[in-house]
Amino acid sequence: DMVLNISMAKEHDYDFIEKEVRLVKEGCGGKLLKVILETCL
């Protein structure tokens, strides 16, 4: 369960979010990945 970069989400840099999540997914080695948005923010 990873926390995405909330600052970049607030900046609306969704390309950054996508690249970051893809990078962490690579690090998971096939294991299941959940991405925490922190929706209250």
All heavy atoms as atom14 arrays in JSON, in Angstrom:
{
  "sequence": "DMVLNISMAKEHDYDFIEKEVRLVKEGCGGKLLKVILETCL",
  "atom14_mask": [
    [1, 1, 1, 1, 1, 1, 1, 1, 0, 0, 0, 0, 0, 0],
    [1, 1, 1, 1, 1, 1, 1, 1, 0, 0, 0, 0, 0, 0],
    [1, 1, 1, 1, 1, 1, 1, 0, 0, 0, 0, 0, 0, 0],
    [1, 1, 1, 1, 1, 1, 1, 1, 0, 0, 0, 0, 0, 0],
    [1, 1, 1, 1, 1, 1, 1, 1, 0, 0, 0, 0, 0, 0],
    [1, 1, 1, 1, 1, 1, 1, 1, 0, 0, 0, 0, 0, 0],
    [1, 1, 1, 1, 1, 1, 0, 0, 0, 0, 0, 0, 0, 0],
    [1, 1, 1, 1, 1, 1, 1, 1, 0, 0, 0, 0, 0, 0],
    [1, 1, 1, 1, 1, 0, 0, 0, 0, 0, 0, 0, 0, 0],
    [1, 1, 1, 1, 1, 1, 1, 1, 1, 0, 0, 0, 0, 0],
    [1, 1, 1, 1, 1, 1, 1, 1, 1, 0, 0, 0, 0, 0],
    [1, 1, 1, 1, 1, 1, 1, 1, 1, 1, 0, 0, 0, 0],
    [1, 1, 1, 1, 1, 1, 1, 1, 0, 0, 0, 0, 0, 0],
    [1, 1, 1, 1, 1, 1, 1, 1, 1, 1, 1, 1, 0, 0],
    [1, 1, 1, 1, 1, 1, 1, 1, 0, 0, 0, 0, 0, 0],
    [1, 1, 1, 1, 1, 1, 1, 1, 1, 1, 1, 0, 0, 0],
    [1, 1, 1, 1, 1, 1, 1, 1, 0, 0, 0, 0, 0, 0],
    [1, 1, 1, 1, 1, 1, 1, 1, 1, 0, 0, 0, 0, 0],
    [1, 1, 1, 1, 1, 1, 1, 1, 1, 0, 0, 0, 0, 0],
    [1, 1, 1, 1, 1, 1, 1, 1, 1, 0, 0, 0, 0, 0],
    [1, 1, 1, 1, 1, 1, 1, 0, 0, 0, 0, 0, 0, 0],
    [1, 1, 1, 1, 1, 1, 1, 1, 1, 1, 1, 0, 0, 0],
    [1, 1, 1, 1, 1, 1, 1, 1, 0, 0, 0, 0, 0, 0],
    [1, 1, 1, 1, 1, 1, 1, 0, 0, 0, 0, 0, 0, 0],
    [1, 1, 1, 1, 1, 1, 1, 1, 1, 0, 0, 0, 0, 0],
    [1, 1, 1, 1, 1, 1, 1, 1, 1, 0, 0, 0, 0, 0],
    [1, 1, 1, 1, 0, 0, 0, 0, 0, 0, 0, 0, 0, 0],
    [1, 1, 1, 1, 1, 1, 0, 0, 0, 0, 0, 0, 0, 0],
    [1, 1, 1, 1, 0, 0, 0, 0, 0, 0, 0, 0, 0, 0],
    [1, 1, 1, 1, 0, 0, 0, 0, 0, 0, 0, 0, 0, 0],
    [1, 1, 1, 1, 1, 1, 1, 1, 1, 0, 0, 0, 0, 0],
    [1, 1, 1, 1, 1, 1, 1, 1, 0, 0, 0, 0, 0, 0],
    [1, 1, 1, 1, 1, 1, 1, 1, 0, 0, 0, 0, 0, 0],
    [1, 1, 1, 1, 1, 1, 1, 1, 1, 0, 0, 0, 0, 0],
    [1, 1, 1, 1, 1, 1, 1, 0, 0, 0, 0, 0, 0, 0],
    [1, 1, 1, 1, 1, 1, 1, 1, 0, 0, 0, 0, 0, 0],
    [1, 1, 1, 1, 1, 1, 1, 1, 0, 0, 0, 0, 0, 0],
    [1, 1, 1, 1, 1, 1, 1, 1, 1, 0, 0, 0, 0, 0],
    [1, 1, 1, 1, 1, 1, 1, 0, 0, 0, 0, 0, 0, 0],
    [1, 1, 1, 1, 1, 1, 0, 0, 0, 0, 0, 0, 0, 0],
    [1, 1, 1, 1, 1, 1, 1, 1, 0, 0, 0, 0, 0, 0]
  ],
  "atom14_positions": [
    [[0.86, -1.18, 0.0], [0.0, 0.0, 0.0], [0.9, 1.23, 0.0], [1.52, 1.55, 1.02], [-0.9, 0.03, 1.24], [-2.02, -0.99, 1.2], [-1.93, -1.95, 0.4], [-2.99, -0.83, 1.97], [0.0, 0.0, 0.0], [0.0, 0.0, 0.0], [0.0, 0.0, 0.0], [0.0, 0.0, 0.0], [0.0, 0.0, 0.0], [0.0, 0.0, 0.0]],
    [[0.98, 1.91, -1.13], [1.83, 3.1, -1.24], [1.0, 4.36, -1.18], [-0.15, 4.39, -1.61], [2.62, 3.09, -2.56], [1.76, 3.26, -3.81], [2.69, 3.68, -5.32], [3.02, 5.43, -5.08], [0.0, 0.0, 0.0], [0.0, 0.0, 0.0], [0.0, 0.0, 0.0], [0.0, 0.0, 0.0], [0.0, 0.0, 0.0], [0.0, 0.0, 0.0]],
    [[1.58, 5.43, -0.64], [0.95, 6.74, -0.66], [1.49, 7.5, -1.87], [2.7, 7.63, -2.03], [1.25, 7.54, 0.62], [0.43, 8.83, 0.65], [0.96, 6.71, 1.86], [0.0, 0.0, 0.0], [0.0, 0.0, 0.0], [0.0, 0.0, 0.0], [0.0, 0.0, 0.0], [0.0, 0.0, 0.0], [0.0, 0.0, 0.0], [0.0, 0.0, 0.0]],
    [[0.58, 7.96, -2.72], [1.06, 8.73, -3.87], [1.5, 10.12, -3.42], [1.27, 10.53, -2.28], [-0.01, 8.81, -4.97], [-1.4, 9.39, -4.71], [-1.4, 10.88, -4.44], [-2.32, 9.09, -5.9], [0.0, 0.0, 0.0], [0.0, 0.0, 0.0], [0.0, 0.0, 0.0], [0.0, 0.0, 0.0], [0.0, 0.0, 0.0], [0.0, 0.0, 0.0]],
    [[2.14, 10.84, -4.33], [2.64, 12.18, -4.0], [1.46, 13.15, -4.02], [1.0, 13.58, -5.08], [3.72, 12.6, -4.98], [4.42, 13.86, -4.53], [3.78, 14.88, -4.3], [5.74, 13.81, -4.42], [0.0, 0.0, 0.0], [0.0, 0.0, 0.0], [0.0, 0.0, 0.0], [0.0, 0.0, 0.0], [0.0, 0.0, 0.0], [0.0, 0.0, 0.0]],
    [[0.97, 13.49, -2.83], [-0.22, 14.32, -2.72], [0.02, 15.73, -3.25], [-0.86, 16.34, -3.87], [-0.7, 14.35, -1.26], [-1.03, 12.93, -0.78], [-1.93, 15.24, -1.1], [-1.07, 12.77, 0.73], [0.0, 0.0, 0.0], [0.0, 0.0, 0.0], [0.0, 0.0, 0.0], [0.0, 0.0, 0.0], [0.0, 0.0, 0.0], [0.0, 0.0, 0.0]],
    [[1.22, 16.25, -3.04], [1.54, 17.58, -3.56], [1.42, 17.63, -5.08], [0.89, 18.59, -5.64], [2.96, 17.98, -3.14], [3.05, 18.14, -1.75], [0.0, 0.0, 0.0], [0.0, 0.0, 0.0], [0.0, 0.0, 0.0], [0.0, 0.0, 0.0], [0.0, 0.0, 0.0], [0.0, 0.0, 0.0], [0.0, 0.0, 0.0], [0.0, 0.0, 0.0]],
    [[1.9, 16.58, -5.75], [1.81, 16.53, -7.2], [0.36, 16.36, -7.66], [-0.03, 16.87, -8.71], [2.68, 15.4, -7.75], [4.17, 15.63, -7.6], [4.78, 17.14, -8.44], [4.98, 18.25, -7.02], [0.0, 0.0, 0.0], [0.0, 0.0, 0.0], [0.0, 0.0, 0.0], [0.0, 0.0, 0.0], [0.0, 0.0, 0.0], [0.0, 0.0, 0.0]],
    [[-0.44, 15.67, -6.86], [-1.87, 15.56, -7.17], [-2.54, 16.93, -7.07], [-3.35, 17.3, -7.93], [-2.54, 14.57, -6.23], [0.0, 0.0, 0.0], [0.0, 0.0, 0.0], [0.0, 0.0, 0.0], [0.0, 0.0, 0.0], [0.0, 0.0, 0.0], [0.0, 0.0, 0.0], [0.0, 0.0, 0.0], [0.0, 0.0, 0.0], [0.0, 0.0, 0.0]],
    [[-2.16, 17.7, -6.04], [-2.72, 19.05, -5.9], [-2.24, 19.98, -7.01], [-2.94, 20.95, -7.35], [-2.34, 19.64, -4.53], [-2.85, 18.87, -3.32], [-4.36, 18.7, -3.32], [-5.11, 20.02, -3.19], [-6.59, 19.81, -3.13], [0.0, 0.0, 0.0], [0.0, 0.0, 0.0], [0.0, 0.0, 0.0], [0.0, 0.0, 0.0], [0.0, 0.0, 0.0]],
    [[-1.06, 19.69, -7.56], [-0.55, 20.47, -8.7], [-1.15, 20.01, -10.02], [-0.86, 20.56, -11.08], [0.98, 20.35, -8.77], [1.72, 21.01, -7.62], [1.63, 22.52, -7.66], [1.46, 23.09, -8.77], [1.71, 23.14, -6.58], [0.0, 0.0, 0.0], [0.0, 0.0, 0.0], [0.0, 0.0, 0.0], [0.0, 0.0, 0.0], [0.0, 0.0, 0.0]],
    [[-1.94, 18.95, -9.96], [-2.57, 18.35, -11.14], [-1.55, 17.78, -12.13], [-1.78, 17.75, -13.33], [-3.5, 19.35, -11.85], [-4.63, 19.82, -10.98], [-5.53, 20.8, -11.37], [-5.01, 19.46, -9.71], [-6.41, 21.01, -10.39], [-6.1, 20.21, -9.37], [0.0, 0.0, 0.0], [0.0, 0.0, 0.0], [0.0, 0.0, 0.0], [0.0, 0.0, 0.0]],
    [[-0.44, 17.33, -11.58], [0.6, 16.71, -12.41], [0.35, 15.2, -12.43], [1.05, 14.42, -11.77], [1.99, 17.03, -11.85], [3.1, 16.65, -12.82], [2.83, 15.91, -13.79], [4.25, 17.08, -12.6], [0.0, 0.0, 0.0], [0.0, 0.0, 0.0], [0.0, 0.0, 0.0], [0.0, 0.0, 0.0], [0.0, 0.0, 0.0], [0.0, 0.0, 0.0]],
    [[-0.65, 14.8, -13.19], [-1.05, 13.4, -13.2], [-0.08, 12.53, -13.98], [-0.04, 11.31, -13.75], [-2.47, 13.27, -13.74], [-3.45, 14.11, -12.93], [-4.13, 15.19, -13.5], [-3.66, 13.85, -11.57], [-5.0, 15.97, -12.76], [-4.52, 14.63, -10.81], [-5.19, 15.7, -11.42], [-6.04, 16.47, -10.67], [0.0, 0.0, 0.0], [0.0, 0.0, 0.0]],
    [[0.72, 13.14, -14.84], [1.79, 12.38, -15.49], [2.81, 11.92, -14.44], [3.31, 10.8, -14.49], [2.49, 13.23, -16.55], [1.65, 13.41, -17.8], [0.73, 12.59, -18.02], [1.91, 14.38, -18.55], [0.0, 0.0, 0.0], [0.0, 0.0, 0.0], [0.0, 0.0, 0.0], [0.0, 0.0, 0.0], [0.0, 0.0, 0.0], [0.0, 0.0, 0.0]],
    [[3.13, 12.81, -13.5], [4.04, 12.44, -12.4], [3.45, 11.28, -11.6], [4.15, 10.31, -11.29], [4.29, 13.64, -11.49], [5.21, 13.35, -10.34], [6.55, 13.7, -10.4], [4.75, 12.72, -9.17], [7.42, 13.41, -9.33], [5.6, 12.43, -8.11], [6.94, 12.78, -8.2], [0.0, 0.0, 0.0], [0.0, 0.0, 0.0], [0.0, 0.0, 0.0]],
    [[2.17, 11.4, -11.26], [1.5, 10.35, -10.48], [1.58, 9.01, -11.21], [1.93, 7.98, -10.64], [0.03, 10.72, -10.21], [-0.08, 12.02, -9.39], [-0.7, 9.55, -9.52], [0.5, 11.96, -8.03], [0.0, 0.0, 0.0], [0.0, 0.0, 0.0], [0.0, 0.0, 0.0], [0.0, 0.0, 0.0], [0.0, 0.0, 0.0], [0.0, 0.0, 0.0]],
    [[1.27, 9.04, -12.49], [1.29, 7.81, -13.28], [2.68, 7.19, -13.32], [2.85, 5.98, -13.12], [0.8, 8.1, -14.71], [0.75, 6.86, -15.59], [0.24, 7.15, -16.99], [-0.33, 8.24, -17.21], [0.4, 6.28, -17.87], [0.0, 0.0, 0.0], [0.0, 0.0, 0.0], [0.0, 0.0, 0.0], [0.0, 0.0, 0.0], [0.0, 0.0, 0.0]],
    [[3.69, 8.02, -13.55], [5.06, 7.52, -13.63], [5.51, 6.97, -12.28], [6.19, 5.94, -12.2], [6.0, 8.63, -14.1], [5.81, 9.01, -15.55], [6.66, 10.22, -15.93], [6.4, 10.64, -17.38], [7.16, 11.89, -17.72], [0.0, 0.0, 0.0], [0.0, 0.0, 0.0], [0.0, 0.0, 0.0], [0.0, 0.0, 0.0], [0.0, 0.0, 0.0]],
    [[5.16, 7.65, -11.2], [5.55, 7.21, -9.87], [4.93, 5.86, -9.54], [5.6, 4.94, -9.06], [5.12, 8.24, -8.82], [5.41, 7.81, -7.39], [4.87, 8.78, -6.35], [3.64, 8.98, -6.28], [5.69, 9.33, -5.61], [0.0, 0.0, 0.0], [0.0, 0.0, 0.0], [0.0, 0.0, 0.0], [0.0, 0.0, 0.0], [0.0, 0.0, 0.0]],
    [[3.64, 5.73, -9.8], [2.95, 4.48, -9.5], [3.51, 3.35, -10.35], [3.72, 2.22, -9.86], [1.43, 4.63, -9.71], [0.72, 3.29, -9.57], [0.85, 5.63, -8.72], [0.0, 0.0, 0.0], [0.0, 0.0, 0.0], [0.0, 0.0, 0.0], [0.0, 0.0, 0.0], [0.0, 0.0, 0.0], [0.0, 0.0, 0.0], [0.0, 0.0, 0.0]],
    [[3.79, 3.62, -11.61], [4.36, 2.59, -12.49], [5.73, 2.14, -11.96], [6.05, 0.95, -11.99], [4.48, 3.12, -13.91], [4.99, 2.06, -14.91], [4.99, 2.55, -16.34], [3.63, 2.65, -16.86], [3.02, 3.78, -17.18], [3.64, 4.94, -17.02], [1.79, 3.78, -17.65], [0.0, 0.0, 0.0], [0.0, 0.0, 0.0], [0.0, 0.0, 0.0]],
    [[6.51, 3.09, -11.47], [7.84, 2.77, -10.94], [7.72, 1.87, -9.7], [8.46, 0.88, -9.57], [8.57, 4.06, -10.58], [10.09, 3.98, -10.34], [10.81, 3.56, -11.61], [10.61, 5.33, -9.86], [0.0, 0.0, 0.0], [0.0, 0.0, 0.0], [0.0, 0.0, 0.0], [0.0, 0.0, 0.0], [0.0, 0.0, 0.0], [0.0, 0.0, 0.0]],
    [[6.8, 2.21, -8.81], [6.63, 1.41, -7.6], [6.08, 0.03, -7.95], [6.47, -0.98, -7.35], [5.72, 2.12, -6.59], [5.46, 1.23, -5.38], [6.33, 3.44, -6.15], [0.0, 0.0, 0.0], [0.0, 0.0, 0.0], [0.0, 0.0, 0.0], [0.0, 0.0, 0.0], [0.0, 0.0, 0.0], [0.0, 0.0, 0.0], [0.0, 0.0, 0.0]],
    [[5.2, -0.03, -8.95], [4.68, -1.33, -9.39], [5.83, -2.23, -9.86], [5.83, -3.43, -9.59], [3.66, -1.13, -10.51], [3.04, -2.43, -11.03], [2.26, -3.17, -9.97], [1.58, -4.41, -10.56], [0.88, -5.21, -9.53], [0.0, 0.0, 0.0], [0.0, 0.0, 0.0], [0.0, 0.0, 0.0], [0.0, 0.0, 0.0], [0.0, 0.0, 0.0]],
    [[6.8, -1.65, -10.52], [7.98, -2.42, -10.93], [8.7, -2.97, -9.7], [9.16, -4.12, -9.68], [8.94, -1.55, -11.74], [8.42, -1.15, -13.11], [9.35, -0.16, -13.79], [10.44, 0.13, -13.24], [8.98, 0.35, -14.87], [0.0, 0.0, 0.0], [0.0, 0.0, 0.0], [0.0, 0.0, 0.0], [0.0, 0.0, 0.0], [0.0, 0.0, 0.0]],
    [[8.8, -2.15, -8.66], [9.47, -2.57, -7.43], [8.72, -3.65, -6.69], [9.31, -4.36, -5.86], [0.0, 0.0, 0.0], [0.0, 0.0, 0.0], [0.0, 0.0, 0.0], [0.0, 0.0, 0.0], [0.0, 0.0, 0.0], [0.0, 0.0, 0.0], [0.0, 0.0, 0.0], [0.0, 0.0, 0.0], [0.0, 0.0, 0.0], [0.0, 0.0, 0.0]],
    [[7.43, -3.81, -6.97], [6.61, -4.81, -6.28], [6.88, -6.22, -6.8], [6.45, -7.19, -6.16], [5.13, -4.49, -6.45], [4.59, -3.03, -5.55], [0.0, 0.0, 0.0], [0.0, 0.0, 0.0], [0.0, 0.0, 0.0], [0.0, 0.0, 0.0], [0.0, 0.0, 0.0], [0.0, 0.0, 0.0], [0.0, 0.0, 0.0], [0.0, 0.0, 0.0]],
    [[7.54, -6.34, -7.94], [7.87, -7.66, -8.44], [6.68, -8.57, -8.65], [6.73, -9.76, -8.35], [0.0, 0.0, 0.0], [0.0, 0.0, 0.0], [0.0, 0.0, 0.0], [0.0, 0.0, 0.0], [0.0, 0.0, 0.0], [0.0, 0.0, 0.0], [0.0, 0.0, 0.0], [0.0, 0.0, 0.0], [0.0, 0.0, 0.0], [0.0, 0.0, 0.0]],
    [[5.59, -8.02, -9.12], [4.4, -8.81, -9.39], [3.42, -8.89, -8.23], [2.31, -9.43, -8.38], [0.0, 0.0, 0.0], [0.0, 0.0, 0.0], [0.0, 0.0, 0.0], [0.0, 0.0, 0.0], [0.0, 0.0, 0.0], [0.0, 0.0, 0.0], [0.0, 0.0, 0.0], [0.0, 0.0, 0.0], [0.0, 0.0, 0.0], [0.0, 0.0, 0.0]],
    [[3.8, -8.37, -7.07], [2.89, -8.37, -5.93], [1.82, -7.29, -6.1], [1.99, -6.33, -6.85], [3.64, -8.15, -4.62], [4.75, -9.15, -4.35], [4.23, -10.57, -4.26], [5.36, -11.53, -3.9], [4.9, -12.95, -3.89], [0.0, 0.0, 0.0], [0.0, 0.0, 0.0], [0.0, 0.0, 0.0], [0.0, 0.0, 0.0], [0.0, 0.0, 0.0]],
    [[0.73, -7.46, -5.38], [-0.41, -6.56, -5.52], [-0.08, -5.18, -4.97], [0.49, -5.05, -3.89], [-1.6, -7.17, -4.78], [-2.96, -6.54, -4.96], [-4.04, -7.63, -5.05], [-3.29, -5.6, -3.82], [0.0, 0.0, 0.0], [0.0, 0.0, 0.0], [0.0, 0.0, 0.0], [0.0, 0.0, 0.0], [0.0, 0.0, 0.0], [0.0, 0.0, 0.0]],
    [[-0.46, -4.14, -5.74], [-0.18, -2.76, -5.36], [-1.47, -1.97, -5.19], [-2.29, -1.88, -6.1], [0.69, -2.07, -6.42], [0.96, -0.57, -6.19], [1.74, -0.34, -4.91], [1.7, 0.03, -7.4], [0.0, 0.0, 0.0], [0.0, 0.0, 0.0], [0.0, 0.0, 0.0], [0.0, 0.0, 0.0], [0.0, 0.0, 0.0], [0.0, 0.0, 0.0]],
    [[-1.61, -1.38, -3.99], [-2.73, -0.48, -3.71], [-2.15, 0.92, -3.56], [-1.11, 1.1, -2.93], [-3.46, -0.88, -2.43], [-3.81, -2.36, -2.33], [-4.65, -2.63, -1.06], [-4.57, -4.08, -0.65], [-3.58, -4.31, 0.43], [0.0, 0.0, 0.0], [0.0, 0.0, 0.0], [0.0, 0.0, 0.0], [0.0, 0.0, 0.0], [0.0, 0.0, 0.0]],
    [[-2.84, 1.92, -4.11], [-2.35, 3.29, -4.08], [-3.27, 4.14, -3.22], [-4.46, 4.27, -3.5], [-2.25, 3.89, -5.5], [-1.64, 5.29, -5.43], [-1.41, 3.0, -6.41], [0.0, 0.0, 0.0], [0.0, 0.0, 0.0], [0.0, 0.0, 0.0], [0.0, 0.0, 0.0], [0.0, 0.0, 0.0], [0.0, 0.0, 0.0], [0.0, 0.0, 0.0]],
    [[-2.69, 4.72, -2.17], [-3.46, 5.56, -1.24], [-3.51, 6.99, -1.77], [-2.47, 7.62, -2.0], [-2.82, 5.55, 0.16], [-2.67, 4.11, 0.69], [-3.64, 6.39, 1.13], [-1.83, 4.01, 1.94], [0.0, 0.0, 0.0], [0.0, 0.0, 0.0], [0.0, 0.0, 0.0], [0.0, 0.0, 0.0], [0.0, 0.0, 0.0], [0.0, 0.0, 0.0]],
    [[-4.73, 7.5, -1.93], [-4.91, 8.84, -2.48], [-4.94, 9.93, -1.4], [-4.63, 11.07, -1.68], [-6.22, 8.92, -3.27], [-6.2, 8.5, -4.74], [-5.72, 7.07, -4.92], [-7.59, 8.66, -5.35], [0.0, 0.0, 0.0], [0.0, 0.0, 0.0], [0.0, 0.0, 0.0], [0.0, 0.0, 0.0], [0.0, 0.0, 0.0], [0.0, 0.0, 0.0]],
    [[-5.31, 9.59, -0.19], [-5.62, 10.54, 0.89], [-6.72, 11.5, 0.42], [-6.54, 12.71, 0.24], [-4.38, 11.3, 1.32], [-4.46, 11.89, 2.72], [-4.45, 10.81, 3.82], [-5.48, 10.15, 4.02], [-3.4, 10.65, 4.48], [0.0, 0.0, 0.0], [0.0, 0.0, 0.0], [0.0, 0.0, 0.0], [0.0, 0.0, 0.0], [0.0, 0.0, 0.0]],
    [[-7.9, 10.93, 0.22], [-9.02, 11.63, -0.42], [-9.47, 12.87, 0.34], [-10.0, 13.8, -0.27], [-10.22, 10.69, -0.58], [-10.47, 10.0, 0.65], [-9.94, 9.65, -1.66], [0.0, 0.0, 0.0], [0.0, 0.0, 0.0], [0.0, 0.0, 0.0], [0.0, 0.0, 0.0], [0.0, 0.0, 0.0], [0.0, 0.0, 0.0], [0.0, 0.0, 0.0]],
    [[-9.26, 12.91, 1.65], [-9.7, 14.08, 2.43], [-8.94, 15.34, 2.04], [-9.39, 16.46, 2.34], [-9.55, 13.82, 3.92], [-7.85, 13.59, 4.48], [0.0, 0.0, 0.0], [0.0, 0.0, 0.0], [0.0, 0.0, 0.0], [0.0, 0.0, 0.0], [0.0, 0.0, 0.0], [0.0, 0.0, 0.0], [0.0, 0.0, 0.0], [0.0, 0.0, 0.0]],
    [[-7.81, 15.2, 1.36], [-7.0, 16.36, 0.95], [-7.22, 16.74, -0.51], [-6.65, 17.71, -0.99], [-5.52, 16.06, 1.18], [-5.1, 15.74, 2.61], [-3.6, 15.45, 2.68], [-5.47, 16.87, 3.57], [0.0, 0.0, 0.0], [0.0, 0.0, 0.0], [0.0, 0.0, 0.0], [0.0, 0.0, 0.0], [0.0, 0.0, 0.0], [0.0, 0.0, 0.0]]
  ]
}
